[in-house]
Amino acid sequence: MSKHLSDEQTRVLDEVVKAGVARSPEEAVDQAVRRLHSSATRQKPIHQQVDNIADLFAHSPFRGLNMEFDRDPDTGRDISL
């Protein structure tokens, strides 16, 4: 199977080899693919990563987005007794 790389990807692979991180472009790609695979298989859903509600908020993917969650106050409803 053959795959084609962009010029930027080829340049980065050449830099990795020149820096001594890998002995060849093929080895660099192999290392990258293995790391991606291991991180993908290791990732747990957020509810399995936390033990309590405080941890859930501390590790929320929305942390730091400064989102505001407002709602209209509940005015109740009329009921007949």
PDB file of N, CA and C in Angstrom:
ATOM      1  N   MET A   1       0.849  -1.165   0.000  1.00  0.00           N
ATOM      2  CA  MET A   1       0.000   0.000   0.000  1.00  0.00           C
ATOM      3  C   MET A   1       0.900   1.234   0.000  1.00  0.00           C
ATOM      4  N   SER A   2       0.574   2.152  -0.856  1.00  0.00           N
ATOM      5  CA  SER A   2       1.362   3.378  -0.897  1.00  0.00           C
ATOM      6  C   SER A   2       0.488   4.560  -0.496  1.00  0.00           C
ATOM      7  N   LYS A   3       1.095   5.500   0.202  1.00  0.00           N
ATOM      8  CA  LYS A   3       0.414   6.717   0.625  1.00  0.00           C
ATOM      9  C   LYS A   3       1.245   7.901   0.164  1.00  0.00           C
ATOM     10  N   HIS A   4       0.601   8.994  -0.092  1.00  0.00           N
ATOM     11  CA  HIS A   4       1.300  10.188  -0.543  1.00  0.00           C
ATOM     12  C   HIS A   4       1.307  11.233   0.564  1.00  0.00           C
ATOM     13  N   LEU A   5       2.442  11.859   0.755  1.00  0.00           N
ATOM     14  CA  LEU A   5       2.591  12.889   1.781  1.00  0.00           C
ATOM     15  C   LEU A   5       2.653  14.258   1.134  1.00  0.00           C
ATOM     16  N   SER A   6       2.180  15.236   1.866  1.00  0.00           N
ATOM     17  CA  SER A   6       2.293  16.603   1.372  1.00  0.00           C
ATOM     18  C   SER A   6       3.740  17.064   1.496  1.00  0.00           C
ATOM     19  N   ASP A   7       4.066  18.166   0.854  1.00  0.00           N
ATOM     20  CA  ASP A   7       5.424  18.707   0.944  1.00  0.00           C
ATOM     21  C   ASP A   7       5.778  19.061   2.388  1.00  0.00           C
ATOM     22  N   GLU A   8       4.806  19.602   3.130  1.00  0.00           N
ATOM     23  CA  GLU A   8       5.037  19.963   4.529  1.00  0.00           C
ATOM     24  C   GLU A   8       5.305  18.725   5.378  1.00  0.00           C
ATOM     25  N   GLN A   9       4.552  17.665   5.160  1.00  0.00           N
ATOM     26  CA  GLN A   9       4.770  16.423   5.907  1.00  0.00           C
ATOM     27  C   GLN A   9       6.144  15.838   5.600  1.00  0.00           C
ATOM     28  N   THR A  10       6.548  15.885   4.354  1.00  0.00           N
ATOM     29  CA  THR A  10       7.869  15.393   3.964  1.00  0.00           C
ATOM     30  C   THR A  10       8.967  16.217   4.622  1.00  0.00           C
ATOM     31  N   ARG A  11       8.786  17.529   4.650  1.00  0.00           N
ATOM     32  CA  ARG A  11       9.777  18.412   5.280  1.00  0.00           C
ATOM     33  C   ARG A  11       9.924  18.100   6.771  1.00  0.00           C
ATOM     34  N   VAL A  12       8.785  17.922   7.455  1.00  0.00           N
ATOM     35  CA  VAL A  12       8.815  17.623   8.886  1.00  0.00           C
ATOM     36  C   VAL A  12       9.487  16.274   9.132  1.00  0.00           C
ATOM     37  N   LEU A  13       9.193  15.280   8.323  1.00  0.00           N
ATOM     38  CA  LEU A  13       9.835  13.973   8.477  1.00  0.00           C
ATOM     39  C   LEU A  13      11.344  14.087   8.290  1.00  0.00           C
ATOM     40  N   ASP A  14      11.782  14.862   7.308  1.00  0.00           N
ATOM     41  CA  ASP A  14      13.223  15.061   7.091  1.00  0.00           C
ATOM     42  C   ASP A  14      13.871  15.734   8.299  1.00  0.00           C
ATOM     43  N   GLU A  15      13.180  16.702   8.898  1.00  0.00           N
ATOM     44  CA  GLU A  15      13.713  17.376  10.085  1.00  0.00           C
ATOM     45  C   GLU A  15      13.827  16.413  11.265  1.00  0.00           C
ATOM     46  N   VAL A  16      12.842  15.541  11.409  1.00  0.00           N
ATOM     47  CA  VAL A  16      12.864  14.562  12.500  1.00  0.00           C
ATOM     48  C   VAL A  16      14.055  13.621  12.340  1.00  0.00           C
ATOM     49  N   VAL A  17      14.295  13.191  11.130  1.00  0.00           N
ATOM     50  CA  VAL A  17      15.428  12.297  10.875  1.00  0.00           C
ATOM     51  C   VAL A  17      16.746  13.029  11.104  1.00  0.00           C
ATOM     52  N   LYS A  18      16.856  14.255  10.623  1.00  0.00           N
ATOM     53  CA  LYS A  18      18.089  15.032  10.815  1.00  0.00           C
ATOM     54  C   LYS A  18      18.359  15.296  12.297  1.00  0.00           C
ATOM     55  N   ALA A  19      17.298  15.468  13.089  1.00  0.00           N
ATOM     56  CA  ALA A  19      17.454  15.719  14.522  1.00  0.00           C
ATOM     57  C   ALA A  19      17.822  14.447  15.286  1.00  0.00           C
ATOM     58  N   GLY A  20      17.743  13.304  14.639  1.00  0.00           N
ATOM     59  CA  GLY A  20      18.114  12.048  15.280  1.00  0.00           C
ATOM     60  C   GLY A  20      17.003  11.388  16.067  1.00  0.00           C
ATOM     61  N   VAL A  21      15.787  11.891  15.936  1.00  0.00           N
ATOM     62  CA  VAL A  21      14.664  11.299  16.651  1.00  0.00           C
ATOM     63  C   VAL A  21      14.299   9.943  16.057  1.00  0.00           C
ATOM     64  N   ALA A  22      14.501   9.798  14.764  1.00  0.00           N
ATOM     65  CA  ALA A  22      14.257   8.530  14.073  1.00  0.00           C
ATOM     66  C   ALA A  22      15.376   8.316  13.062  1.00  0.00           C
ATOM     67  N   ARG A  23      15.583   7.059  12.726  1.00  0.00           N
ATOM     68  CA  ARG A  23      16.662   6.752  11.769  1.00  0.00           C
ATOM     69  C   ARG A  23      16.239   6.916  10.317  1.00  0.00           C
ATOM     70  N   SER A  24      14.937   6.880  10.084  1.00  0.00           N
ATOM     71  CA  SER A  24      14.423   7.024   8.719  1.00  0.00           C
ATOM     72  C   SER A  24      13.024   7.625   8.779  1.00  0.00           C
ATOM     73  N   PRO A  25      12.550   8.149   7.654  1.00  0.00           N
ATOM     74  CA  PRO A  25      11.174   8.661   7.637  1.00  0.00           C
ATOM     75  C   PRO A  25      10.150   7.565   7.964  1.00  0.00           C
ATOM     76  N   GLU A  26      10.416   6.346   7.501  1.00  0.00           N
ATOM     77  CA  GLU A  26       9.510   5.237   7.783  1.00  0.00           C
ATOM     78  C   GLU A  26       9.421   4.962   9.281  1.00  0.00           C
ATOM     79  N   GLU A  27      10.570   5.016   9.964  1.00  0.00           N
ATOM     80  CA  GLU A  27      10.584   4.797  11.410  1.00  0.00           C
ATOM     81  C   GLU A  27       9.833   5.920  12.129  1.00  0.00           C
ATOM     82  N   ALA A  28       9.989   7.150  11.664  1.00  0.00           N
ATOM     83  CA  ALA A  28       9.283   8.280  12.268  1.00  0.00           C
ATOM     84  C   ALA A  28       7.772   8.118  12.121  1.00  0.00           C
ATOM     85  N   VAL A  29       7.321   7.713  10.948  1.00  0.00           N
ATOM     86  CA  VAL A  29       5.891   7.491  10.723  1.00  0.00           C
ATOM     87  C   VAL A  29       5.405   6.349  11.609  1.00  0.00           C
ATOM     88  N   ASP A  30       6.193   5.280  11.704  1.00  0.00           N
ATOM     89  CA  ASP A  30       5.819   4.145  12.545  1.00  0.00           C
ATOM     90  C   ASP A  30       5.662   4.572  14.009  1.00  0.00           C
ATOM     91  N   GLN A  31       6.611   5.375  14.514  1.00  0.00           N
ATOM     92  CA  GLN A  31       6.532   5.858  15.898  1.00  0.00           C
ATOM     93  C   GLN A  31       5.271   6.704  16.106  1.00  0.00           C
ATOM     94  N   ALA A  32       4.999   7.583  15.159  1.00  0.00           N
ATOM     95  CA  ALA A  32       3.834   8.461  15.274  1.00  0.00           C
ATOM     96  C   ALA A  32       2.532   7.662  15.263  1.00  0.00           C
ATOM     97  N   VAL A  33       2.433   6.697  14.379  1.00  0.00           N
ATOM     98  CA  VAL A  33       1.218   5.888  14.280  1.00  0.00           C
ATOM     99  C   VAL A  33       1.023   5.063  15.553  1.00  0.00           C
ATOM    100  N   ARG A  34       2.102   4.513  16.078  1.00  0.00           N
ATOM    101  CA  ARG A  34       1.992   3.727  17.320  1.00  0.00           C
ATOM    102  C   ARG A  34       1.551   4.596  18.496  1.00  0.00           C
ATOM    103  N   ARG A  35       2.075   5.823  18.586  1.00  0.00           N
ATOM    104  CA  ARG A  35       1.666   6.721  19.670  1.00  0.00           C
ATOM    105  C   ARG A  35       0.201   7.110  19.538  1.00  0.00           C
ATOM    106  N   LEU A  36      -0.226   7.403  18.324  1.00  0.00           N
ATOM    107  CA  LEU A  36      -1.637   7.732  18.110  1.00  0.00           C
ATOM    108  C   LEU A  36      -2.535   6.557  18.482  1.00  0.00           C
ATOM    109  N   HIS A  37      -2.131   5.376  18.084  1.00  0.00           N
ATOM    110  CA  HIS A  37      -2.926   4.184  18.375  1.00  0.00           C
ATOM    111  C   HIS A  37      -3.007   3.938  19.882  1.00  0.00           C
ATOM    112  N   SER A  38      -1.888   4.052  20.579  1.00  0.00           N
ATOM    113  CA  SER A  38      -1.900   3.785  22.019  1.00  0.00           C
ATOM    114  C   SER A  38      -2.704   4.839  22.768  1.00  0.00           C
ATOM    115  N   SER A  39      -2.647   6.103  22.345  1.00  0.00           N
ATOM    116  CA  SER A  39      -3.433   7.128  23.035  1.00  0.00           C
ATOM    117  C   SER A  39      -4.917   6.972  22.726  1.00  0.00           C
ATOM    118  N   ALA A  40      -5.248   6.518  21.541  1.00  0.00           N
ATOM    119  CA  ALA A  40      -6.660   6.325  21.186  1.00  0.00           C
ATOM    120  C   ALA A  40      -7.266   5.158  21.954  1.00  0.00           C
ATOM    121  N   THR A  41      -6.495   4.110  22.182  1.00  0.00           N
ATOM    122  CA  THR A  41      -7.028   2.954  22.895  1.00  0.00           C
ATOM    123  C   THR A  41      -7.029   3.171  24.395  1.00  0.00           C
ATOM    124  N   ARG A  42      -6.261   4.133  24.881  1.00  0.00           N
ATOM    125  CA  ARG A  42      -6.162   4.430  26.300  1.00  0.00           C
ATOM    126  C   ARG A  42      -7.211   5.428  26.771  1.00  0.00           C
ATOM    127  N   GLN A  43      -7.754   6.208  25.875  1.00  0.00           N
ATOM    128  CA  GLN A  43      -8.677   7.286  26.226  1.00  0.00           C
ATOM    129  C   GLN A  43      -9.975   6.726  26.787  1.00  0.00           C
ATOM    130  N   LYS A  44     -10.360   7.167  27.976  1.00  0.00           N
ATOM    131  CA  LYS A  44     -11.615   6.765  28.600  1.00  0.00           C
ATOM    132  C   LYS A  44     -12.620   7.907  28.465  1.00  0.00           C
ATOM    133  N   PRO A  45     -13.890   7.586  28.477  1.00  0.00           N
ATOM    134  CA  PRO A  45     -14.898   8.646  28.509  1.00  0.00           C
ATOM    135  C   PRO A  45     -14.741   9.476  29.787  1.00  0.00           C
ATOM    136  N   ILE A  46     -15.146  10.734  29.743  1.00  0.00           N
ATOM    137  CA  ILE A  46     -14.936  11.648  30.864  1.00  0.00           C
ATOM    138  C   ILE A  46     -15.572  11.119  32.144  1.00  0.00           C
ATOM    139  N   HIS A  47     -16.729  10.464  32.061  1.00  0.00           N
ATOM    140  CA  HIS A  47     -17.381   9.990  33.281  1.00  0.00           C
ATOM    141  C   HIS A  47     -16.607   8.853  33.945  1.00  0.00           C
ATOM    142  N   GLN A  48     -15.706   8.201  33.218  1.00  0.00           N
ATOM    143  CA  GLN A  48     -14.867   7.160  33.808  1.00  0.00           C
ATOM    144  C   GLN A  48     -13.531   7.715  34.297  1.00  0.00           C
ATOM    145  N   GLN A  49     -13.247   8.967  33.995  1.00  0.00           N
ATOM    146  CA  GLN A  49     -11.992   9.577  34.400  1.00  0.00           C
ATOM    147  C   GLN A  49     -12.110  10.321  35.730  1.00  0.00           C
ATOM    148  N   VAL A  50     -13.313  10.504  36.221  1.00  0.00           N
ATOM    149  CA  VAL A  50     -13.515  11.299  37.431  1.00  0.00           C
ATOM    150  C   VAL A  50     -14.226  10.478  38.500  1.00  0.00           C
ATOM    151  N   ASP A  51     -14.001  10.865  39.780  1.00  0.00           N
ATOM    152  CA  ASP A  51     -14.616  10.159  40.898  1.00  0.00           C
ATOM    153  C   ASP A  51     -15.776  10.920  41.524  1.00  0.00           C
ATOM    154  N   ASN A  52     -15.809  12.235  41.306  1.00  0.00           N
ATOM    155  CA  ASN A  52     -16.855  13.027  41.946  1.00  0.00           C
ATOM    156  C   ASN A  52     -17.181  14.238  41.073  1.00  0.00           C
ATOM    157  N   ILE A  53     -18.186  14.969  41.480  1.00  0.00           N
ATOM    158  CA  ILE A  53     -18.663  16.106  40.681  1.00  0.00           C
ATOM    159  C   ILE A  53     -17.616  17.206  40.570  1.00  0.00           C
ATOM    160  N   ALA A  54     -16.816  17.417  41.618  1.00  0.00           N
ATOM    161  CA  ALA A  54     -15.778  18.448  41.570  1.00  0.00           C
ATOM    162  C   ALA A  54     -14.728  18.101  40.512  1.00  0.00           C
ATOM    163  N   ASP A  55     -14.339  16.833  40.440  1.00  0.00           N
ATOM    164  CA  ASP A  55     -13.387  16.403  39.413  1.00  0.00           C
ATOM    165  C   ASP A  55     -13.987  16.551  38.019  1.00  0.00           C
ATOM    166  N   LEU A  56     -15.283  16.264  37.907  1.00  0.00           N
ATOM    167  CA  LEU A  56     -15.943  16.405  36.607  1.00  0.00           C
ATOM    168  C   LEU A  56     -15.850  17.842  36.109  1.00  0.00           C
ATOM    169  N   PHE A  57     -16.131  18.806  37.003  1.00  0.00           N
ATOM    170  CA  PHE A  57     -16.034  20.205  36.597  1.00  0.00           C
ATOM    171  C   PHE A  57     -14.581  20.617  36.363  1.00  0.00           C
ATOM    172  N   ALA A  58     -13.656  20.091  37.145  1.00  0.00           N
ATOM    173  CA  ALA A  58     -12.239  20.440  36.999  1.00  0.00           C
ATOM    174  C   ALA A  58     -11.659  19.908  35.693  1.00  0.00           C
ATOM    175  N   HIS A  59     -12.162  18.765  35.213  1.00  0.00           N
ATOM    176  CA  HIS A  59     -11.635  18.148  33.993  1.00  0.00           C
ATOM    177  C   HIS A  59     -12.575  18.275  32.801  1.00  0.00           C
ATOM    178  N   SER A  60     -13.549  19.138  32.922  1.00  0.00           N
ATOM    179  CA  SER A  60     -14.532  19.310  31.862  1.00  0.00           C
ATOM    180  C   SER A  60     -13.874  19.814  30.575  1.00  0.00           C
ATOM    181  N   PRO A  61     -14.309  19.300  29.426  1.00  0.00           N
ATOM    182  CA  PRO A  61     -13.777  19.822  28.163  1.00  0.00           C
ATOM    183  C   PRO A  61     -14.183  21.266  27.908  1.00  0.00           C
ATOM    184  N   PHE A  62     -15.164  21.774  28.670  1.00  0.00           N
ATOM    185  CA  PHE A  62     -15.618  23.149  28.514  1.00  0.00           C
ATOM    186  C   PHE A  62     -14.887  24.113  29.449  1.00  0.00           C
ATOM    187  N   ARG A  63     -13.996  23.588  30.308  1.00  0.00           N
ATOM    188  CA  ARG A  63     -13.266  24.424  31.259  1.00  0.00           C
ATOM    189  C   ARG A  63     -12.463  25.489  30.509  1.00  0.00           C
ATOM    190  N   GLY A  64     -12.517  26.700  30.988  1.00  0.00           N
ATOM    191  CA  GLY A  64     -11.750  27.780  30.387  1.00  0.00           C
ATOM    192  C   GLY A  64     -12.444  28.497  29.245  1.00  0.00           C
ATOM    193  N   LEU A  65     -13.635  28.053  28.866  1.00  0.00           N
ATOM    194  CA  LEU A  65     -14.339  28.695  27.755  1.00  0.00           C
ATOM    195  C   LEU A  65     -15.182  29.877  28.207  1.00  0.00           C
ATOM    196  N   ASN A  66     -15.268  30.080  29.528  1.00  0.00           N
ATOM    197  CA  ASN A  66     -16.052  31.188  30.094  1.00  0.00           C
ATOM    198  C   ASN A  66     -17.480  31.195  29.572  1.00  0.00           C
ATOM    199  N   MET A  67     -18.092  30.024  29.536  1.00  0.00           N
ATOM    200  CA  MET A  67     -19.472  29.909  29.086  1.00  0.00           C
ATOM    201  C   MET A  67     -20.401  30.311  30.232  1.00  0.00           C
ATOM    202  N   GLU A  68     -21.482  30.964  29.889  1.00  0.00           N
ATOM    203  CA  GLU A  68     -22.477  31.338  30.878  1.00  0.00           C
ATOM    204  C   GLU A  68     -23.738  30.523  30.633  1.00  0.00           C
ATOM    205  N   PHE A  69     -24.215  29.898  31.679  1.00  0.00           N
ATOM    206  CA  PHE A  69     -25.417  29.092  31.579  1.00  0.00           C
ATOM    207  C   PHE A  69     -26.512  29.776  32.382  1.00  0.00           C
ATOM    208  N   ASP A  70     -27.333  30.547  31.707  1.00  0.00           N
ATOM    209  CA  ASP A  70     -28.437  31.244  32.344  1.00  0.00           C
ATOM    210  C   ASP A  70     -29.743  30.648  31.847  1.00  0.00           C
ATOM    211  N   ARG A  71     -30.749  30.766  32.681  1.00  0.00           N
ATOM    212  CA  ARG A  71     -32.082  30.356  32.252  1.00  0.00           C
ATOM    213  C   ARG A  71     -33.084  31.323  32.837  1.00  0.00           C
ATOM    214  N   ASP A  72     -34.239  31.352  32.252  1.00  0.00           N
ATOM    215  CA  ASP A  72     -35.306  32.212  32.758  1.00  0.00           C
ATOM    216  C   ASP A  72     -35.755  31.672  34.110  1.00  0.00           C
ATOM    217  N   PRO A  73     -36.018  32.568  35.052  1.00  0.00           N
ATOM    218  CA  PRO A  73     -36.509  32.092  36.348  1.00  0.00           C
ATOM    219  C   PRO A  73     -37.864  31.400  36.186  1.00  0.00           C
ATOM    220  N   ASP A  74     -38.065  30.363  36.956  1.00  0.00           N
ATOM    221  CA  ASP A  74     -39.316  29.630  36.910  1.00  0.00           C
ATOM    222  C   ASP A  74     -40.395  30.425  37.625  1.00  0.00           C
ATOM    223  N   THR A  75     -41.419  30.799  36.908  1.00  0.00           N
ATOM    224  CA  THR A  75     -42.508  31.577  37.511  1.00  0.00           C
ATOM    225  C   THR A  75     -43.607  30.680  38.019  1.00  0.00           C
ATOM    226  N   GLY A  76     -43.462  29.418  37.907  1.00  0.00           N
ATOM    227  CA  GLY A  76     -44.488  28.491  38.362  1.00  0.00           C
ATOM    228  C   GLY A  76     -45.620  28.385  37.364  1.00  0.00           C
ATOM    229  N   ARG A  77     -46.657  27.716  37.766  1.00  0.00           N
ATOM    230  CA  ARG A  77     -47.814  27.581  36.885  1.00  0.00           C
ATOM    231  C   ARG A  77     -49.078  27.634  37.728  1.00  0.00           C
ATOM    232  N   ASP A  78     -50.114  28.046  37.095  1.00  0.00           N
ATOM    233  CA  ASP A  78     -51.399  28.107  37.780  1.00  0.00           C
ATOM    234  C   ASP A  78     -52.013  26.719  37.857  1.00  0.00           C
ATOM    235  N   ILE A  79     -52.522  26.401  39.037  1.00  0.00           N
ATOM    236  CA  ILE A  79     -53.225  25.125  39.196  1.00  0.00           C
ATOM    237  C   ILE A  79     -54.547  25.387  39.889  1.00  0.00           C
ATOM    238  N   SER A  80     -55.492  24.578  39.610  1.00  0.00           N
ATOM    239  CA  SER A  80     -56.802  24.732  40.295  1.00  0.00           C
ATOM    240  C   SER A  80     -56.890  23.672  41.383  1.00  0.00           C
ATOM    241  N   LEU A  81     -57.296  24.117  42.547  1.00  0.00           N
ATOM    242  CA  LEU A  81     -57.425  23.206  43.677  1.00  0.00           C
ATOM    243  C   LEU A  81     -58.870  22.907  43.983  1.00  0.00           C
TER     244      LEU A  81
END
